Amino acid sequence: MAASDEMIDQQWMRRALRLAACGAQTGEVPVGALLVRDGEQLAAGWNRPIGGCDPSAHAEIEVLRRAAVGLGNYRLPGSTLYVTLEPCVMCVGALLHARVERLVYGAAEPKTGAVCSAFELLGSPRHNHRVAVTGGVLEAECRAQLQSFFARRRAERRAARAARSG
């Protein structure tokens, strides 16, 4: 990948990090995503399963839904999805069905990541669509954002337990 392509990926990932921060402010796990085609943002969003009482409202799904509605087509060829965390099984399936051309993610997800960590679903030769993948873009920043969120959440739970027992 050319240096300019890497810089472009980093610029979009910085936007995804800002979106993830918006999700964290609402109590959602901070995952941000956006879909880009020809240098133009088609849709952006963050995790919303808690607030929306919707287990499928991951950042990736939210963005794919918005882009598909905006374009009037559930197929999104030529697009690149930027997301701060490696997608899960559900989200990888949606990427394939939407015919997203490229996936760029930040931090790996060792427990449920379906690109290269827990599963390697995009590499299956059984799919009739291929998604190019670039992982680890601004990985340290993406990981730190998630770790900070969960550390804060654990501290809040400890404080609540201490207040109840004290």
N, C-alpha and C. Protein backbone atom coordinates (compact mmCIF):
# COMPACT_ATOMS: atom_id res chain seq x y z
N MET A 1 0.85 -1.18 0.00
CA MET A 1 0.00 0.00 0.00
C MET A 1 0.89 1.24 0.00
N ALA A 2 0.54 2.20 -0.84
CA ALA A 2 1.31 3.44 -0.92
C ALA A 2 1.14 4.25 0.35
N ALA A 3 2.13 5.09 0.64
CA ALA A 3 2.08 5.92 1.84
C ALA A 3 0.84 6.81 1.84
N SER A 4 0.46 7.32 0.68
CA SER A 4 -0.72 8.19 0.62
C SER A 4 -1.99 7.40 0.94
N ASP A 5 -2.07 6.13 0.50
CA ASP A 5 -3.22 5.30 0.83
C ASP A 5 -3.28 5.04 2.32
N GLU A 6 -2.13 4.83 2.94
CA GLU A 6 -2.07 4.61 4.38
C GLU A 6 -2.53 5.85 5.13
N MET A 7 -2.14 7.01 4.65
CA MET A 7 -2.55 8.25 5.29
C MET A 7 -4.07 8.45 5.16
N ILE A 8 -4.61 8.12 4.02
CA ILE A 8 -6.06 8.23 3.81
C ILE A 8 -6.79 7.29 4.78
N ASP A 9 -6.30 6.06 4.88
CA ASP A 9 -6.91 5.11 5.83
C ASP A 9 -6.87 5.66 7.25
N GLN A 10 -5.76 6.26 7.63
CA GLN A 10 -5.63 6.82 8.98
C GLN A 10 -6.59 7.99 9.19
N GLN A 11 -6.77 8.82 8.18
CA GLN A 11 -7.71 9.94 8.30
C GLN A 11 -9.13 9.44 8.54
N TRP A 12 -9.55 8.44 7.77
CA TRP A 12 -10.90 7.90 7.94
C TRP A 12 -11.03 7.20 9.30
N MET A 13 -9.97 6.50 9.71
CA MET A 13 -10.03 5.80 11.00
C MET A 13 -10.11 6.80 12.15
N ARG A 14 -9.47 7.94 12.03
CA ARG A 14 -9.60 8.98 13.07
C ARG A 14 -11.06 9.43 13.18
N ARG A 15 -11.74 9.53 12.05
CA ARG A 15 -13.16 9.87 12.09
C ARG A 15 -13.95 8.77 12.79
N ALA A 16 -13.60 7.53 12.49
CA ALA A 16 -14.29 6.39 13.13
C ALA A 16 -14.05 6.40 14.63
N LEU A 17 -12.86 6.77 15.06
CA LEU A 17 -12.57 6.89 16.50
C LEU A 17 -13.44 7.96 17.15
N ARG A 18 -13.64 9.07 16.46
CA ARG A 18 -14.52 10.13 17.01
C ARG A 18 -15.96 9.63 17.11
N LEU A 19 -16.40 8.86 16.14
CA LEU A 19 -17.74 8.28 16.19
C LEU A 19 -17.86 7.30 17.36
N ALA A 20 -16.83 6.51 17.57
CA ALA A 20 -16.83 5.56 18.69
C ALA A 20 -16.96 6.31 20.01
N ALA A 21 -16.30 7.44 20.11
CA ALA A 21 -16.39 8.25 21.33
C ALA A 21 -17.81 8.74 21.56
N CYS A 22 -18.53 9.04 20.49
CA CYS A 22 -19.94 9.43 20.62
C CYS A 22 -20.75 8.28 21.22
N GLY A 23 -20.47 7.07 20.77
CA GLY A 23 -21.15 5.91 21.32
C GLY A 23 -20.84 5.73 22.79
N ALA A 24 -19.59 5.90 23.16
CA ALA A 24 -19.19 5.75 24.57
C ALA A 24 -19.93 6.75 25.45
N GLN A 25 -20.15 7.94 24.95
CA GLN A 25 -20.85 8.98 25.73
C GLN A 25 -22.29 8.56 26.03
N THR A 26 -22.85 7.68 25.21
CA THR A 26 -24.23 7.22 25.44
C THR A 26 -24.26 5.87 26.17
N GLY A 27 -23.09 5.39 26.60
CA GLY A 27 -23.02 4.13 27.33
C GLY A 27 -22.83 2.90 26.47
N GLU A 28 -22.66 3.10 25.18
CA GLU A 28 -22.44 1.97 24.26
C GLU A 28 -20.95 1.62 24.21
N VAL A 29 -20.65 0.38 23.90
CA VAL A 29 -19.26 -0.02 23.68
C VAL A 29 -18.73 0.84 22.53
N PRO A 30 -17.59 1.50 22.70
CA PRO A 30 -17.13 2.47 21.71
C PRO A 30 -16.56 1.84 20.44
N VAL A 31 -17.44 1.56 19.53
CA VAL A 31 -17.05 1.11 18.20
C VAL A 31 -17.68 2.08 17.21
N GLY A 32 -16.86 2.67 16.36
CA GLY A 32 -17.33 3.59 15.34
C GLY A 32 -17.04 3.05 13.96
N ALA A 33 -17.89 3.42 13.02
CA ALA A 33 -17.70 2.93 11.65
C ALA A 33 -18.19 3.97 10.65
N LEU A 34 -17.63 3.91 9.46
CA LEU A 34 -18.13 4.72 8.36
C LEU A 34 -17.85 4.02 7.05
N LEU A 35 -18.69 4.31 6.07
CA LEU A 35 -18.59 3.71 4.75
C LEU A 35 -18.24 4.80 3.76
N VAL A 36 -17.24 4.52 2.93
CA VAL A 36 -16.71 5.50 2.00
C VAL A 36 -16.70 4.90 0.60
N ARG A 37 -17.02 5.73 -0.38
CA ARG A 37 -16.86 5.31 -1.78
C ARG A 37 -16.38 6.52 -2.57
N ASP A 38 -15.35 6.31 -3.36
CA ASP A 38 -14.77 7.38 -4.18
C ASP A 38 -14.42 8.61 -3.36
N GLY A 39 -13.88 8.39 -2.16
CA GLY A 39 -13.46 9.48 -1.31
C GLY A 39 -14.58 10.23 -0.62
N GLU A 40 -15.80 9.75 -0.75
CA GLU A 40 -16.96 10.42 -0.14
C GLU A 40 -17.59 9.52 0.92
N GLN A 41 -17.88 10.10 2.07
CA GLN A 41 -18.54 9.36 3.13
C GLN A 41 -20.01 9.13 2.77
N LEU A 42 -20.41 7.85 2.77
CA LEU A 42 -21.79 7.50 2.47
C LEU A 42 -22.65 7.43 3.73
N ALA A 43 -22.05 6.97 4.81
CA ALA A 43 -22.79 6.82 6.07
C ALA A 43 -21.79 6.68 7.21
N ALA A 44 -22.25 7.01 8.42
CA ALA A 44 -21.40 6.91 9.61
C ALA A 44 -22.26 6.55 10.80
N GLY A 45 -21.65 5.93 11.80
CA GLY A 45 -22.40 5.59 13.00
C GLY A 45 -21.55 4.91 14.04
N TRP A 46 -22.20 4.47 15.09
CA TRP A 46 -21.53 3.79 16.19
C TRP A 46 -22.46 2.73 16.74
N ASN A 47 -21.93 1.94 17.65
CA ASN A 47 -22.73 0.88 18.27
C ASN A 47 -23.97 1.47 18.93
N ARG A 48 -25.10 0.76 18.80
CA ARG A 48 -26.35 1.19 19.43
C ARG A 48 -27.19 0.03 19.96
N PRO A 49 -26.63 -1.14 20.22
CA PRO A 49 -27.48 -2.24 20.66
C PRO A 49 -28.13 -2.01 22.02
N ILE A 50 -27.44 -1.34 22.93
CA ILE A 50 -27.98 -1.12 24.28
C ILE A 50 -29.14 -0.13 24.20
N GLY A 51 -28.87 1.05 23.67
CA GLY A 51 -29.89 2.08 23.59
C GLY A 51 -31.05 1.71 22.70
N GLY A 52 -30.77 0.96 21.64
CA GLY A 52 -31.82 0.57 20.71
C GLY A 52 -32.48 -0.75 21.04
N CYS A 53 -32.03 -1.41 22.11
CA CYS A 53 -32.54 -2.74 22.46
C CYS A 53 -32.54 -3.64 21.22
N ASP A 54 -31.43 -3.59 20.48
CA ASP A 54 -31.31 -4.31 19.21
C ASP A 54 -29.95 -4.98 19.14
N PRO A 55 -29.92 -6.30 19.30
CA PRO A 55 -28.62 -6.98 19.27
C PRO A 55 -27.90 -6.88 17.94
N SER A 56 -28.60 -6.51 16.88
CA SER A 56 -27.94 -6.39 15.58
C SER A 56 -27.45 -4.96 15.30
N ALA A 57 -27.61 -4.05 16.22
CA ALA A 57 -27.26 -2.64 15.98
C ALA A 57 -25.78 -2.35 16.23
N HIS A 58 -24.93 -3.19 15.68
CA HIS A 58 -23.50 -2.92 15.73
C HIS A 58 -23.20 -1.75 14.79
N ALA A 59 -22.09 -1.09 15.01
CA ALA A 59 -21.72 0.08 14.20
C ALA A 59 -21.72 -0.26 12.71
N GLU A 60 -21.17 -1.41 12.36
CA GLU A 60 -21.09 -1.80 10.95
C GLU A 60 -22.48 -1.94 10.34
N ILE A 61 -23.37 -2.60 11.05
CA ILE A 61 -24.72 -2.83 10.54
C ILE A 61 -25.45 -1.49 10.40
N GLU A 62 -25.32 -0.63 11.40
CA GLU A 62 -25.95 0.69 11.34
C GLU A 62 -25.51 1.45 10.08
N VAL A 63 -24.22 1.41 9.81
CA VAL A 63 -23.67 2.14 8.67
C VAL A 63 -24.13 1.51 7.35
N LEU A 64 -24.09 0.19 7.26
CA LEU A 64 -24.53 -0.46 6.02
C LEU A 64 -26.00 -0.17 5.76
N ARG A 65 -26.82 -0.20 6.79
CA ARG A 65 -28.25 0.10 6.62
C ARG A 65 -28.45 1.53 6.10
N ARG A 66 -27.78 2.49 6.73
CA ARG A 66 -27.93 3.89 6.31
C ARG A 66 -27.47 4.11 4.87
N ALA A 67 -26.33 3.52 4.54
CA ALA A 67 -25.81 3.70 3.18
C ALA A 67 -26.74 3.07 2.16
N ALA A 68 -27.23 1.88 2.45
CA ALA A 68 -28.13 1.19 1.50
C ALA A 68 -29.41 2.00 1.28
N VAL A 69 -29.98 2.50 2.35
CA VAL A 69 -31.20 3.32 2.22
C VAL A 69 -30.88 4.59 1.45
N GLY A 70 -29.78 5.24 1.77
CA GLY A 70 -29.40 6.48 1.10
C GLY A 70 -29.16 6.30 -0.39
N LEU A 71 -28.61 5.15 -0.75
CA LEU A 71 -28.32 4.88 -2.17
C LEU A 71 -29.47 4.16 -2.87
N GLY A 72 -30.42 3.66 -2.08
CA GLY A 72 -31.53 2.93 -2.68
C GLY A 72 -31.11 1.57 -3.22
N ASN A 73 -30.10 0.96 -2.58
CA ASN A 73 -29.61 -0.33 -3.06
C ASN A 73 -28.92 -1.05 -1.90
N TYR A 74 -29.25 -2.30 -1.67
CA TYR A 74 -28.61 -3.03 -0.59
C TYR A 74 -27.21 -3.50 -0.97
N ARG A 75 -26.86 -3.42 -2.21
CA ARG A 75 -25.50 -3.73 -2.65
C ARG A 75 -24.68 -2.44 -2.63
N LEU A 76 -23.47 -2.53 -2.11
CA LEU A 76 -22.62 -1.36 -1.94
C LEU A 76 -21.25 -1.58 -2.58
N PRO A 77 -21.22 -1.93 -3.86
CA PRO A 77 -19.94 -2.21 -4.51
C PRO A 77 -19.05 -0.97 -4.56
N GLY A 78 -17.75 -1.22 -4.54
CA GLY A 78 -16.79 -0.13 -4.61
C GLY A 78 -16.61 0.63 -3.32
N SER A 79 -17.22 0.16 -2.25
CA SER A 79 -17.17 0.89 -0.98
C SER A 79 -16.11 0.29 -0.04
N THR A 80 -15.68 1.11 0.90
CA THR A 80 -14.75 0.70 1.94
C THR A 80 -15.39 0.98 3.28
N LEU A 81 -15.42 -0.02 4.14
CA LEU A 81 -15.92 0.15 5.50
C LEU A 81 -14.74 0.33 6.44
N TYR A 82 -14.75 1.42 7.19
CA TYR A 82 -13.75 1.68 8.22
C TYR A 82 -14.43 1.44 9.56
N VAL A 83 -13.81 0.63 10.42
CA VAL A 83 -14.39 0.34 11.73
C VAL A 83 -13.26 0.18 12.74
N THR A 84 -13.49 0.64 13.95
CA THR A 84 -12.43 0.68 14.96
C THR A 84 -12.11 -0.68 15.56
N LEU A 85 -12.99 -1.66 15.38
CA LEU A 85 -12.79 -3.00 15.95
C LEU A 85 -13.07 -4.06 14.90
N GLU A 86 -12.28 -5.10 14.89
CA GLU A 86 -12.48 -6.21 13.96
C GLU A 86 -13.93 -6.71 14.04
N PRO A 87 -14.60 -6.82 12.90
CA PRO A 87 -16.02 -7.23 12.90
C PRO A 87 -16.25 -8.65 13.39
N CYS A 88 -17.47 -8.85 13.91
CA CYS A 88 -17.92 -10.16 14.38
C CYS A 88 -18.51 -10.95 13.21
N VAL A 89 -18.97 -12.15 13.51
CA VAL A 89 -19.56 -13.03 12.50
C VAL A 89 -20.73 -12.35 11.79
N MET A 90 -21.63 -11.76 12.54
CA MET A 90 -22.80 -11.11 11.95
C MET A 90 -22.38 -10.00 10.99
N CYS A 91 -21.45 -9.19 11.41
CA CYS A 91 -21.04 -8.06 10.60
C CYS A 91 -20.27 -8.49 9.35
N VAL A 92 -19.46 -9.52 9.47
CA VAL A 92 -18.76 -10.05 8.30
C VAL A 92 -19.78 -10.56 7.29
N GLY A 93 -20.81 -11.25 7.75
CA GLY A 93 -21.87 -11.71 6.84
C GLY A 93 -22.53 -10.55 6.12
N ALA A 94 -22.79 -9.48 6.84
CA ALA A 94 -23.42 -8.31 6.22
C ALA A 94 -22.50 -7.67 5.19
N LEU A 95 -21.19 -7.62 5.48
CA LEU A 95 -20.23 -7.08 4.50
C LEU A 95 -20.26 -7.87 3.20
N LEU A 96 -20.32 -9.19 3.34
CA LEU A 96 -20.37 -10.05 2.16
C LEU A 96 -21.65 -9.84 1.36
N HIS A 97 -22.78 -9.81 2.05
CA HIS A 97 -24.06 -9.64 1.37
C HIS A 97 -24.17 -8.27 0.70
N ALA A 98 -23.58 -7.26 1.33
CA ALA A 98 -23.63 -5.90 0.77
C ALA A 98 -22.62 -5.70 -0.35
N ARG A 99 -21.73 -6.65 -0.53
CA ARG A 99 -20.69 -6.58 -1.56
C ARG A 99 -19.73 -5.41 -1.33
N VAL A 100 -19.42 -5.16 -0.05
CA VAL A 100 -18.42 -4.15 0.29
C VAL A 100 -17.09 -4.60 -0.30
N GLU A 101 -16.39 -3.68 -0.92
CA GLU A 101 -15.14 -4.05 -1.60
C GLU A 101 -13.97 -4.22 -0.64
N ARG A 102 -13.94 -3.37 0.38
CA ARG A 102 -12.77 -3.36 1.26
C ARG A 102 -13.18 -3.08 2.69
N LEU A 103 -12.49 -3.73 3.62
CA LEU A 103 -12.67 -3.53 5.05
C LEU A 103 -11.36 -3.02 5.63
N VAL A 104 -11.43 -1.95 6.42
CA VAL A 104 -10.27 -1.44 7.14
C VAL A 104 -10.68 -1.37 8.60
N TYR A 105 -9.96 -2.10 9.46
CA TYR A 105 -10.31 -2.06 10.88
C TYR A 105 -9.09 -1.70 11.71
N GLY A 106 -9.38 -1.27 12.95
CA GLY A 106 -8.32 -0.85 13.86
C GLY A 106 -7.81 -1.98 14.71
N ALA A 107 -8.49 -2.24 15.83
CA ALA A 107 -8.04 -3.24 16.80
C ALA A 107 -8.59 -4.62 16.48
N ALA A 108 -7.78 -5.63 16.70
CA ALA A 108 -8.24 -7.02 16.59
C ALA A 108 -9.16 -7.32 17.77
N GLU A 109 -10.06 -8.27 17.57
CA GLU A 109 -10.99 -8.70 18.62
C GLU A 109 -10.77 -10.18 18.85
N PRO A 110 -9.89 -10.53 19.82
CA PRO A 110 -9.49 -11.93 19.99
C PRO A 110 -10.62 -12.88 20.37
N LYS A 111 -11.67 -12.39 21.00
CA LYS A 111 -12.75 -13.28 21.45
C LYS A 111 -13.78 -13.56 20.37
N THR A 112 -14.15 -12.54 19.59
CA THR A 112 -15.23 -12.72 18.61
C THR A 112 -14.91 -12.20 17.22
N GLY A 113 -13.70 -11.76 16.99
CA GLY A 113 -13.34 -11.24 15.67
C GLY A 113 -13.46 -12.32 14.61
N ALA A 114 -14.13 -11.98 13.50
CA ALA A 114 -14.41 -12.98 12.47
C ALA A 114 -13.64 -12.75 11.19
N VAL A 115 -12.59 -11.91 11.25
CA VAL A 115 -11.77 -11.66 10.07
C VAL A 115 -10.47 -12.47 10.17
N CYS A 116 -9.80 -12.39 11.33
CA CYS A 116 -8.55 -13.12 11.47
C CYS A 116 -8.27 -13.60 12.89
N SER A 117 -9.07 -13.19 13.86
CA SER A 117 -8.77 -13.52 15.25
C SER A 117 -9.40 -14.83 15.70
N ALA A 118 -10.67 -14.79 16.07
CA ALA A 118 -11.36 -16.01 16.52
C ALA A 118 -11.79 -16.87 15.33
N PHE A 119 -12.14 -16.21 14.23
CA PHE A 119 -12.59 -16.89 13.00
C PHE A 119 -11.93 -16.20 11.81
N GLU A 120 -11.90 -16.88 10.69
CA GLU A 120 -11.37 -16.30 9.45
C GLU A 120 -12.39 -16.46 8.34
N LEU A 121 -13.53 -15.82 8.50
CA LEU A 121 -14.65 -16.05 7.59
C LEU A 121 -14.47 -15.43 6.21
N LEU A 122 -13.79 -14.31 6.11
CA LEU A 122 -13.65 -13.68 4.80
C LEU A 122 -12.75 -14.47 3.86
N GLY A 123 -11.90 -15.31 4.41
CA GLY A 123 -10.98 -16.08 3.59
C GLY A 123 -11.57 -17.34 2.99
N SER A 124 -12.80 -17.66 3.30
CA SER A 124 -13.40 -18.90 2.79
C SER A 124 -13.57 -18.85 1.28
N PRO A 125 -13.11 -19.88 0.59
CA PRO A 125 -13.28 -19.91 -0.87
C PRO A 125 -14.73 -20.17 -1.30
N ARG A 126 -15.59 -20.47 -0.35
CA ARG A 126 -16.99 -20.74 -0.68
C ARG A 126 -17.78 -19.48 -1.00
N HIS A 127 -17.29 -18.33 -0.56
CA HIS A 127 -18.01 -17.08 -0.84
C HIS A 127 -17.87 -16.71 -2.31
N ASN A 128 -18.93 -16.13 -2.85
CA ASN A 128 -18.85 -15.67 -4.24
C ASN A 128 -18.42 -14.20 -4.32
N HIS A 129 -18.04 -13.63 -3.20
CA HIS A 129 -17.55 -12.25 -3.14
C HIS A 129 -16.32 -12.21 -2.25
N ARG A 130 -15.36 -11.41 -2.61
CA ARG A 130 -14.14 -11.25 -1.83
C ARG A 130 -14.07 -9.82 -1.29
N VAL A 131 -13.68 -9.70 -0.05
CA VAL A 131 -13.49 -8.40 0.58
C VAL A 131 -12.00 -8.26 0.88
N ALA A 132 -11.39 -7.21 0.34
CA ALA A 132 -9.99 -6.93 0.66
C ALA A 132 -9.95 -6.40 2.10
N VAL A 133 -8.92 -6.77 2.85
CA VAL A 133 -8.85 -6.41 4.26
C VAL A 133 -7.51 -5.75 4.58
N THR A 134 -7.61 -4.66 5.34
CA THR A 134 -6.45 -4.02 5.94
C THR A 134 -6.75 -3.89 7.42
N GLY A 135 -5.98 -4.56 8.25
CA GLY A 135 -6.19 -4.51 9.69
C GLY A 135 -5.09 -3.75 10.38
N GLY A 136 -5.36 -3.33 11.60
CA GLY A 136 -4.34 -2.70 12.42
C GLY A 136 -4.13 -1.22 12.16
N VAL A 137 -5.06 -0.56 11.49
CA VAL A 137 -4.91 0.88 11.23
C VAL A 137 -5.24 1.63 12.52
N LEU A 138 -4.28 2.40 13.00
CA LEU A 138 -4.39 3.11 14.29
C LEU A 138 -4.79 2.14 15.40
N GLU A 139 -4.23 0.95 15.34
CA GLU A 139 -4.59 -0.11 16.27
C GLU A 139 -4.43 0.29 17.73
N ALA A 140 -3.32 0.91 18.06
CA ALA A 140 -3.08 1.28 19.47
C ALA A 140 -4.14 2.24 19.98
N GLU A 141 -4.51 3.23 19.16
CA GLU A 141 -5.54 4.19 19.57
C GLU A 141 -6.90 3.52 19.72
N CYS A 142 -7.22 2.64 18.78
CA CYS A 142 -8.51 1.94 18.83
C CYS A 142 -8.58 1.04 20.06
N ARG A 143 -7.52 0.30 20.31
CA ARG A 143 -7.47 -0.59 21.48
C ARG A 143 -7.55 0.21 22.78
N ALA A 144 -6.79 1.32 22.85
CA ALA A 144 -6.78 2.15 24.06
C ALA A 144 -8.17 2.71 24.36
N GLN A 145 -8.89 3.11 23.33
CA GLN A 145 -10.24 3.64 23.53
C GLN A 145 -11.15 2.59 24.15
N LEU A 146 -11.08 1.39 23.65
CA LEU A 146 -11.90 0.29 24.20
C LEU A 146 -11.46 -0.07 25.62
N GLN A 147 -10.16 -0.19 25.83
CA GLN A 147 -9.67 -0.55 27.16
C GLN A 147 -10.04 0.50 28.19
N SER A 148 -9.95 1.75 27.83
CA SER A 148 -10.30 2.83 28.73
C SER A 148 -11.79 2.77 29.09
N PHE A 149 -12.62 2.52 28.11
CA PHE A 149 -14.06 2.41 28.34
C PHE A 149 -14.37 1.28 29.33
N PHE A 150 -13.79 0.10 29.09
CA PHE A 150 -14.08 -1.03 29.98
C PHE A 150 -13.47 -0.85 31.37
N ALA A 151 -12.32 -0.21 31.45
CA ALA A 151 -11.73 0.07 32.78
C ALA A 151 -12.64 1.02 33.56
N ARG A 152 -13.16 2.04 32.89
CA ARG A 152 -14.08 2.97 33.52
C ARG A 152 -15.35 2.26 33.97
N ARG A 153 -15.87 1.40 33.12
CA ARG A 153 -17.09 0.65 33.45
C ARG A 153 -16.87 -0.26 34.66
N ARG A 154 -15.72 -0.94 34.70
CA ARG A 154 -15.41 -1.80 35.85
C ARG A 154 -15.29 -0.99 37.13
N ALA A 155 -14.65 0.16 37.05
CA ALA A 155 -14.49 1.03 38.23
C ALA A 155 -15.85 1.52 38.72
N GLU A 156 -16.74 1.87 37.80
CA GLU A 156 -18.09 2.31 38.18
C GLU A 156 -18.85 1.19 38.88
N ARG A 157 -18.71 -0.02 38.39
CA ARG A 157 -19.40 -1.16 39.01
C ARG A 157 -18.84 -1.45 40.40
N ARG A 158 -17.51 -1.36 40.55
CA ARG A 158 -16.90 -1.56 41.87
C ARG A 158 -17.40 -0.49 42.85
N ALA A 159 -17.44 0.74 42.39
CA ALA A 159 -17.90 1.83 43.27
C ALA A 159 -19.36 1.63 43.65
N ALA A 160 -20.18 1.17 42.73
CA ALA A 160 -21.60 0.93 43.03
C ALA A 160 -21.75 -0.19 44.04
N ARG A 161 -20.95 -1.25 43.91
CA ARG A 161 -21.00 -2.36 44.87
C ARG A 161 -20.55 -1.88 46.24
N ALA A 162 -19.49 -1.08 46.28
CA ALA A 162 -18.99 -0.58 47.56
C ALA A 162 -20.02 0.33 48.24
N ALA A 163 -20.71 1.12 47.45
CA ALA A 163 -21.73 2.03 48.00
C ALA A 163 -22.91 1.22 48.58
N ARG A 164 -23.26 0.13 47.94
CA ARG A 164 -24.37 -0.70 48.42
C ARG A 164 -24.00 -1.43 49.71
N SER A 165 -22.74 -1.86 49.79
CA SER A 165 -22.33 -2.64 50.96
C SER A 165 -21.81 -1.76 52.10
N GLY A 166 -21.56 -0.51 51.82
CA GLY A 166 -20.96 0.36 52.84
C GLY A 166 -21.94 1.17 53.53
